[in-house]
Amino acid sequence: MRVARILIAAVAALSVVALSQAGLAEPAEAAPTGPGISWQYSSEANAYWRAPEDTPAPGNDGPLLAWTQYSSQKDLTCPDGNPDYACAGPPAEIVGIYCSDLPGPTGLPTFAWIRWERTPEPDGTMGPWIGKDADCDEPGDDDVITMDEIHQQVLSANVFQELPRPVPEIKPDPQGLVNLPVIVSTDYPDPTDPLIADDVVQTDPVIVEIEVRVEGGREPFIGTIRAWLDDYVWTFVNGRGETVEVISGRGPGNTYDRNIDPRTNPGHYISHTFREAITGNRVFLNASWVGEIHVEGIGVDEPMTPVPINGESAEFSIVESEPVLGNR
C-alpha cells in the first residue's frame, strides 16, 4: 500500500500544504501519558512508536553533496528565503511534501522526508541545496518497539526456566491404598532459592519482581516483571498408562495433615482415589509463571506471556488397604 502524499513541485504555491483530511483513518491510539513518556501505542501495528528526530541541516559550507532531511511532522517544505536552498524553479524540483493521516503499511503513522543534493559551482563554492526526492515513511527502527519484541526480550531475560522443576509430594508414599485418596502437593516455588530470593516481594503465594532491560529505540529501557506461579495442572495416570483424572485451578495443594482427614474434608486436599491395586502409577505436575510487564519509559503495562514449567513426575503403587486410617 502506497502512503497518500502530496509532493509540492517548484511551480506550486506553498500554501497548497494546507489540505483537508476529512474521511481519513483515525490516528493511532494514544498510550498512557506521564513524565518522560513520549511513546504512543498503535493497535494496528501492535507496537509503540514515537516521532523520528528532526535531521538538522548540515549548512552550505561543507563538502557534503547529498543528505536526507527527516521530519517529525507530516509536512516538510523548503525554507523559503534561505539562500542555501533553491526554493523556486529552476533549478528547484521539489520544494515540499505533505503526508496524510493515513497509516503506513504496518499501521504506523507516517512522516515526511526530502532528499537534498547540491553541486560545486565553477569557482569552487557549493551550489544551493535542491530537493531531488521526497516521500512519507513510517518511524524507523530506533523509534518503534513491537510488543512481540518486548515479550521476547522479557522472556529471554527472565530466570524462570533456570529454576529447578517442581516435584510432586505424595502421601502416602511410596504406596497408596485402594479406596483411599492419594494426596499430592508441591512446595514450588521455593522463595529461598538463590535465583529468586532477592526478588521475592511476597511469600504466600510467592510473588517476584524482576528487573529486565528492554533494548529498543535510541536507548534501552528498564522494565519490571511482577510474576507468580499459576495454572497448576495435576495429571494422574494409572499403571496402564491411562489418564484417570486431571485437576487444575487448585494451586499447589496442601501437604498432608494428620488432623485433617481427606475423607471428611475432601476439598482440603488435591487427591485421587484408586479403586484397584496397581503398580506403575504416576502423577505429573505442570504449571505456568504468569504476571505483568511494566516498562515506564514506553508506557507498557500489560500481562506477560505465560512461561510454562514442566514439572517432574512421581511414581507410586496402589496396594490393598489395611485397616490403617479406619475400619473397612
Protein backbone atom coordinates (compact mmCIF):
# COMPACT_ATOMS: atom_id res chain seq x y z
CA MET A 1 0.00 0.00 0.00
CA ARG A 2 1.44 3.34 -1.04
CA VAL A 3 1.01 6.08 1.52
CA ALA A 4 -1.06 9.02 0.37
CA ARG A 5 1.24 12.00 -0.19
CA ILE A 6 1.30 15.35 -1.89
CA LEU A 7 4.55 16.47 -3.49
CA ILE A 8 4.90 20.21 -3.89
CA ALA A 9 6.74 20.94 -7.11
CA ALA A 10 8.68 24.12 -7.69
CA VAL A 11 5.82 25.62 -9.71
CA ALA A 12 3.26 25.10 -6.95
CA ALA A 13 2.44 27.57 -4.22
CA LEU A 14 3.49 26.53 -0.71
CA SER A 15 0.01 27.31 0.57
CA VAL A 16 -1.12 24.06 -1.04
CA VAL A 17 0.23 22.32 2.07
CA ALA A 18 -2.96 23.07 3.98
CA LEU A 19 -5.33 20.36 2.74
CA SER A 20 -8.48 18.84 4.18
CA GLN A 21 -8.12 15.33 5.62
CA ALA A 22 -11.84 14.59 6.01
CA GLY A 23 -12.73 10.92 5.86
CA LEU A 24 -9.23 9.61 6.55
CA ALA A 25 -8.38 6.98 9.16
CA GLU A 26 -8.22 7.97 12.80
CA PRO A 27 -4.69 8.50 14.19
CA ALA A 28 -3.07 5.77 16.27
CA GLU A 29 -4.41 5.20 19.76
CA ALA A 30 -2.52 7.13 22.43
CA ALA A 31 -0.54 5.27 25.05
CA PRO A 32 -0.62 6.16 28.74
CA THR A 33 0.98 9.55 29.30
CA GLY A 34 3.25 10.71 32.07
CA PRO A 35 6.58 12.38 32.78
CA GLY A 36 9.17 11.33 30.26
CA ILE A 37 6.78 9.19 28.20
CA SER A 38 6.84 10.25 24.56
CA TRP A 39 5.77 6.96 23.02
CA GLN A 40 2.33 6.12 21.70
CA TYR A 41 0.69 2.78 21.03
CA SER A 42 -0.60 1.71 17.62
CA SER A 43 -3.21 -1.04 17.80
CA GLU A 44 -2.86 -1.61 14.04
CA ALA A 45 0.88 -2.36 14.34
CA ASN A 46 0.75 -3.74 17.93
CA ALA A 47 3.76 -1.56 18.60
CA TYR A 48 4.87 1.52 20.47
CA TRP A 49 6.21 4.34 18.33
CA ARG A 50 7.42 7.91 18.57
CA ALA A 51 8.06 10.59 16.01
CA PRO A 52 11.55 10.45 14.48
CA GLU A 53 14.06 13.12 15.43
CA ASP A 54 14.36 16.02 13.03
CA THR A 55 17.53 15.84 10.97
CA PRO A 56 19.36 19.17 11.28
CA ALA A 57 20.58 20.88 8.14
CA PRO A 58 24.33 20.44 7.54
CA GLY A 59 24.80 24.01 6.30
CA ASN A 60 26.16 25.01 2.92
CA ASP A 61 29.86 25.36 3.60
CA GLY A 62 30.95 21.73 3.88
CA PRO A 63 31.83 19.04 1.34
CA LEU A 64 28.56 17.09 1.81
CA LEU A 65 26.87 16.75 -1.60
CA ALA A 66 23.65 14.96 -0.57
CA TRP A 67 21.67 14.47 2.64
CA THR A 68 18.20 13.40 3.62
CA GLN A 69 16.18 15.59 5.95
CA TYR A 70 13.73 13.67 8.13
CA SER A 71 10.87 15.46 9.82
CA SER A 72 8.95 14.70 13.00
CA GLN A 73 5.96 16.30 11.29
CA LYS A 74 3.69 15.27 8.45
CA ASP A 75 4.89 18.12 6.28
CA LEU A 76 8.32 19.38 5.25
CA THR A 77 8.97 22.36 3.00
CA CYS A 78 11.93 24.20 1.56
CA PRO A 79 12.99 27.06 3.87
CA ASP A 80 11.94 29.88 1.57
CA GLY A 81 14.21 32.89 1.92
CA ASN A 82 17.25 30.85 2.96
CA PRO A 83 19.92 31.38 0.25
CA ASP A 84 21.37 27.93 0.98
CA TYR A 85 18.29 26.36 -0.64
CA ALA A 86 16.73 26.58 -4.07
CA CYS A 87 13.06 27.04 -3.19
CA ALA A 88 11.86 28.10 -6.64
CA GLY A 89 12.49 26.71 -10.06
CA PRO A 90 14.52 26.35 -11.93
CA PRO A 91 16.69 24.74 -10.54
CA ALA A 92 14.35 23.60 -7.74
CA GLU A 93 12.49 20.35 -8.42
CA ILE A 94 10.74 19.51 -5.12
CA VAL A 95 10.14 22.19 -2.52
CA GLY A 96 7.89 20.34 -0.10
CA ILE A 97 5.83 17.29 0.75
CA TYR A 98 2.71 16.66 2.82
CA CYS A 99 1.85 13.22 4.25
CA SER A 100 -1.77 12.46 5.05
CA ASP A 101 -3.10 10.91 8.26
CA LEU A 102 -3.49 7.55 6.55
CA PRO A 103 -1.29 4.94 8.31
CA GLY A 104 1.59 3.27 6.53
CA PRO A 105 1.83 -0.40 5.51
CA THR A 106 2.24 -1.71 9.09
CA GLY A 107 -0.36 0.62 10.58
CA LEU A 108 2.07 3.21 11.95
CA PRO A 109 1.79 6.96 11.28
CA THR A 110 3.95 8.40 8.53
CA PHE A 111 6.44 11.28 8.46
CA ALA A 112 7.88 13.42 5.68
CA TRP A 113 11.41 13.44 4.33
CA ILE A 114 13.21 15.22 1.48
CA ARG A 115 16.50 14.28 -0.15
CA TRP A 116 18.60 17.35 -0.90
CA GLU A 117 21.52 17.47 -3.33
CA ARG A 118 23.94 20.15 -4.47
CA THR A 119 26.87 20.51 -6.87
CA PRO A 120 30.02 22.68 -6.83
CA GLU A 121 29.97 25.97 -8.73
CA PRO A 122 32.76 26.79 -11.25
CA ASP A 123 34.51 28.93 -8.66
CA GLY A 124 34.63 26.01 -6.21
CA THR A 125 31.86 27.18 -3.94
CA MET A 126 28.90 24.89 -3.32
CA GLY A 127 25.60 25.50 -5.07
CA PRO A 128 22.27 25.63 -3.20
CA TRP A 129 20.50 22.57 -1.86
CA ILE A 130 17.98 21.25 -4.39
CA GLY A 131 15.14 18.93 -3.43
CA LYS A 132 15.51 15.80 -5.57
CA ASP A 133 13.21 13.25 -3.93
CA ALA A 134 10.66 13.09 -1.12
CA ASP A 135 8.31 10.56 0.45
CA CYS A 136 6.33 9.56 3.53
CA ASP A 137 7.83 6.83 5.72
CA GLU A 138 6.89 5.15 8.96
CA PRO A 139 9.15 5.63 12.01
CA GLY A 140 12.49 3.83 11.73
CA ASP A 141 13.94 1.06 13.90
CA ASP A 142 15.06 3.50 16.60
CA ASP A 143 11.53 4.78 17.01
CA VAL A 144 9.47 1.56 17.01
CA ILE A 145 9.27 -1.28 19.54
CA THR A 146 6.75 -4.01 18.83
CA MET A 147 5.02 -5.84 21.65
CA ASP A 148 6.38 -9.11 20.23
CA GLU A 149 9.91 -7.75 20.63
CA ILE A 150 9.19 -6.62 24.18
CA HIS A 151 7.76 -10.02 25.16
CA GLN A 152 10.66 -11.84 23.54
CA GLN A 153 13.26 -9.72 25.33
CA VAL A 154 11.48 -10.02 28.66
CA LEU A 155 11.13 -13.79 28.47
CA SER A 156 14.72 -14.29 27.27
CA ALA A 157 15.93 -12.25 30.24
CA ASN A 158 13.98 -13.99 32.98
CA VAL A 159 15.15 -16.67 35.37
CA PHE A 160 12.02 -18.80 35.48
CA GLN A 161 13.32 -21.53 33.22
CA GLU A 162 16.55 -21.72 35.23
CA LEU A 163 14.75 -22.68 38.43
CA PRO A 164 14.54 -26.35 39.46
CA ARG A 165 11.42 -28.05 38.17
CA PRO A 166 8.57 -28.56 40.65
CA VAL A 167 8.44 -32.01 42.27
CA PRO A 168 5.14 -33.56 43.42
CA GLU A 169 4.98 -34.76 47.01
CA ILE A 170 2.76 -37.83 47.55
CA LYS A 171 1.07 -39.06 50.71
CA PRO A 172 1.10 -41.90 51.47
CA ASP A 173 4.44 -42.59 49.74
CA PRO A 174 5.53 -44.79 48.03
CA GLN A 175 2.35 -46.84 48.27
CA GLY A 176 -1.23 -45.65 48.21
CA LEU A 177 -4.17 -47.68 49.33
CA VAL A 178 -7.17 -48.92 47.38
CA ASN A 179 -10.26 -46.79 48.03
CA LEU A 180 -8.28 -44.19 49.99
CA PRO A 181 -7.15 -40.88 48.44
CA VAL A 182 -3.60 -40.30 47.24
CA ILE A 183 -2.78 -36.73 48.32
CA VAL A 184 -0.41 -34.57 46.24
CA SER A 185 1.18 -31.17 46.79
CA THR A 186 4.32 -29.19 45.97
CA ASP A 187 6.39 -26.55 47.74
CA TYR A 188 7.36 -24.98 44.42
CA PRO A 189 8.40 -22.23 44.05
CA ASP A 190 10.86 -22.05 46.93
CA PRO A 191 11.18 -18.38 47.97
CA THR A 192 14.66 -19.09 49.39
CA ASP A 193 16.04 -20.28 46.04
CA PRO A 194 19.10 -18.10 45.35
CA LEU A 195 17.89 -17.41 41.81
CA ILE A 196 14.82 -15.52 43.04
CA ALA A 197 15.39 -14.90 46.76
CA ASP A 198 16.37 -11.25 46.23
CA ASP A 199 13.34 -10.67 44.01
CA VAL A 200 10.64 -12.13 46.28
CA VAL A 201 8.15 -9.45 47.41
CA GLN A 202 5.55 -11.87 48.84
CA THR A 203 5.90 -15.43 50.09
CA ASP A 204 2.34 -16.80 50.28
CA PRO A 205 1.79 -17.10 47.43
CA VAL A 206 5.27 -16.41 46.13
CA ILE A 207 5.39 -13.24 44.03
CA VAL A 208 8.61 -11.98 42.49
CA GLU A 209 9.55 -8.68 40.89
CA ILE A 210 12.40 -8.98 38.42
CA GLU A 211 14.09 -6.07 36.67
CA VAL A 212 14.65 -6.50 32.94
CA ARG A 213 16.41 -4.42 30.31
CA VAL A 214 14.44 -3.78 27.13
CA GLU A 215 16.58 -2.82 24.15
CA GLY A 216 14.95 -0.56 21.61
CA GLY A 217 14.83 2.98 20.40
CA ARG A 218 17.75 5.29 20.91
CA GLU A 219 18.37 3.98 24.41
CA PRO A 220 17.41 0.90 26.43
CA PHE A 221 14.50 0.88 28.87
CA ILE A 222 14.37 -0.68 32.31
CA GLY A 223 11.28 -2.78 32.83
CA THR A 224 9.83 -4.86 35.65
CA ILE A 225 8.19 -8.29 35.62
CA ARG A 226 5.83 -8.99 38.52
CA ALA A 227 5.14 -12.71 38.36
CA TRP A 228 3.65 -15.60 40.27
CA LEU A 229 3.05 -19.28 39.58
CA ASP A 230 -0.41 -20.18 38.37
CA ASP A 231 -2.35 -22.79 36.47
CA TYR A 232 -1.04 -25.84 38.35
CA VAL A 233 -2.19 -28.92 36.46
CA TRP A 234 -2.09 -32.31 38.20
CA THR A 235 -2.49 -35.36 35.96
CA PHE A 236 -3.00 -38.82 37.46
CA VAL A 237 -2.07 -41.74 35.22
CA ASN A 238 -2.57 -45.37 36.20
CA GLY A 239 -0.13 -48.21 35.64
CA ARG A 240 -1.70 -48.99 32.26
CA GLY A 241 -0.83 -45.50 31.00
CA GLU A 242 -4.42 -44.30 31.18
CA THR A 243 -5.16 -40.79 32.39
CA VAL A 244 -7.66 -41.23 35.20
CA GLU A 245 -8.04 -37.61 36.38
CA VAL A 246 -6.77 -34.10 35.60
CA ILE A 247 -7.08 -31.44 38.29
CA SER A 248 -6.39 -27.76 37.61
CA GLY A 249 -7.21 -24.45 39.22
CA ARG A 250 -6.50 -25.76 42.73
CA GLY A 251 -2.98 -24.40 43.13
CA PRO A 252 -0.02 -26.24 44.68
CA GLY A 253 -2.15 -28.28 47.07
CA ASN A 254 -1.90 -28.73 50.83
CA THR A 255 0.52 -31.11 52.49
CA TYR A 256 -1.00 -33.97 54.47
CA ASP A 257 -2.06 -33.05 57.99
CA ARG A 258 -2.97 -35.97 60.21
CA ASN A 259 -5.53 -33.76 61.94
CA ILE A 260 -7.44 -33.18 58.68
CA ASP A 261 -8.99 -36.39 57.33
CA PRO A 262 -9.32 -36.32 53.49
CA ARG A 263 -12.44 -38.47 53.70
CA THR A 264 -14.34 -35.94 55.81
CA ASN A 265 -12.65 -32.86 54.27
CA PRO A 266 -12.42 -33.80 50.58
CA GLY A 267 -11.97 -30.19 49.39
CA HIS A 268 -8.93 -29.55 51.55
CA TYR A 269 -6.52 -31.68 49.51
CA ILE A 270 -5.73 -32.35 45.89
CA SER A 271 -6.12 -36.10 45.56
CA HIS A 272 -7.29 -39.07 43.54
CA THR A 273 -8.76 -42.31 44.83
CA PHE A 274 -7.78 -45.51 43.04
CA ARG A 275 -10.26 -48.40 43.10
CA GLU A 276 -7.84 -51.23 42.30
CA ALA A 277 -4.39 -52.41 43.31
CA ILE A 278 -1.97 -51.49 40.52
CA THR A 279 1.72 -50.61 40.19
CA GLY A 280 3.47 -48.01 38.00
CA ASN A 281 1.01 -45.19 38.62
CA ARG A 282 2.25 -41.63 38.13
CA VAL A 283 1.23 -38.09 38.87
CA PHE A 284 2.50 -35.34 36.57
CA LEU A 285 2.73 -31.68 37.53
CA ASN A 286 2.82 -28.74 35.12
CA ALA A 287 2.36 -25.04 35.84
CA SER A 288 2.96 -21.60 34.36
CA TRP A 289 4.50 -18.38 35.52
CA VAL A 290 2.12 -15.53 34.80
CA GLY A 291 2.25 -11.85 35.65
CA GLU A 292 2.58 -8.31 34.41
CA ILE A 293 5.15 -6.37 32.43
CA HIS A 294 5.75 -2.72 33.20
CA VAL A 295 8.10 -0.55 31.12
CA GLU A 296 7.70 3.00 32.33
CA GLY A 297 9.73 4.75 29.65
CA ILE A 298 7.43 3.48 26.92
CA GLY A 299 4.16 3.20 28.79
CA VAL A 300 3.84 -0.60 28.62
CA ASP A 301 1.70 -2.07 31.40
CA GLU A 302 0.09 -5.37 30.43
CA PRO A 303 0.03 -9.14 31.10
CA MET A 304 3.18 -11.03 30.26
CA THR A 305 3.19 -14.07 28.02
CA PRO A 306 2.87 -17.11 30.35
CA VAL A 307 6.05 -19.14 30.89
CA PRO A 308 5.16 -22.87 31.06
CA ILE A 309 7.03 -25.01 33.57
CA ASN A 310 7.01 -28.78 33.06
CA GLY A 311 7.48 -30.38 36.46
CA GLU A 312 8.77 -33.76 37.48
CA SER A 313 6.51 -36.81 37.77
CA ALA A 314 6.31 -39.13 40.76
CA GLU A 315 5.66 -42.87 40.64
CA PHE A 316 3.73 -44.84 43.22
CA SER A 317 1.89 -48.12 43.69
CA ILE A 318 -1.61 -48.82 44.93
CA VAL A 319 -1.97 -51.83 47.22
CA GLU A 320 -4.88 -53.46 49.01
CA SER A 321 -5.76 -51.34 52.00
CA GLU A 322 -5.32 -52.47 55.55
CA PRO A 323 -7.30 -51.04 58.47
CA VAL A 324 -4.89 -48.12 58.98
CA LEU A 325 -6.95 -44.96 58.61
CA GLY A 326 -10.14 -46.58 59.93
CA ASN A 327 -12.31 -49.64 59.72
CA ARG A 328 -13.03 -51.35 56.42
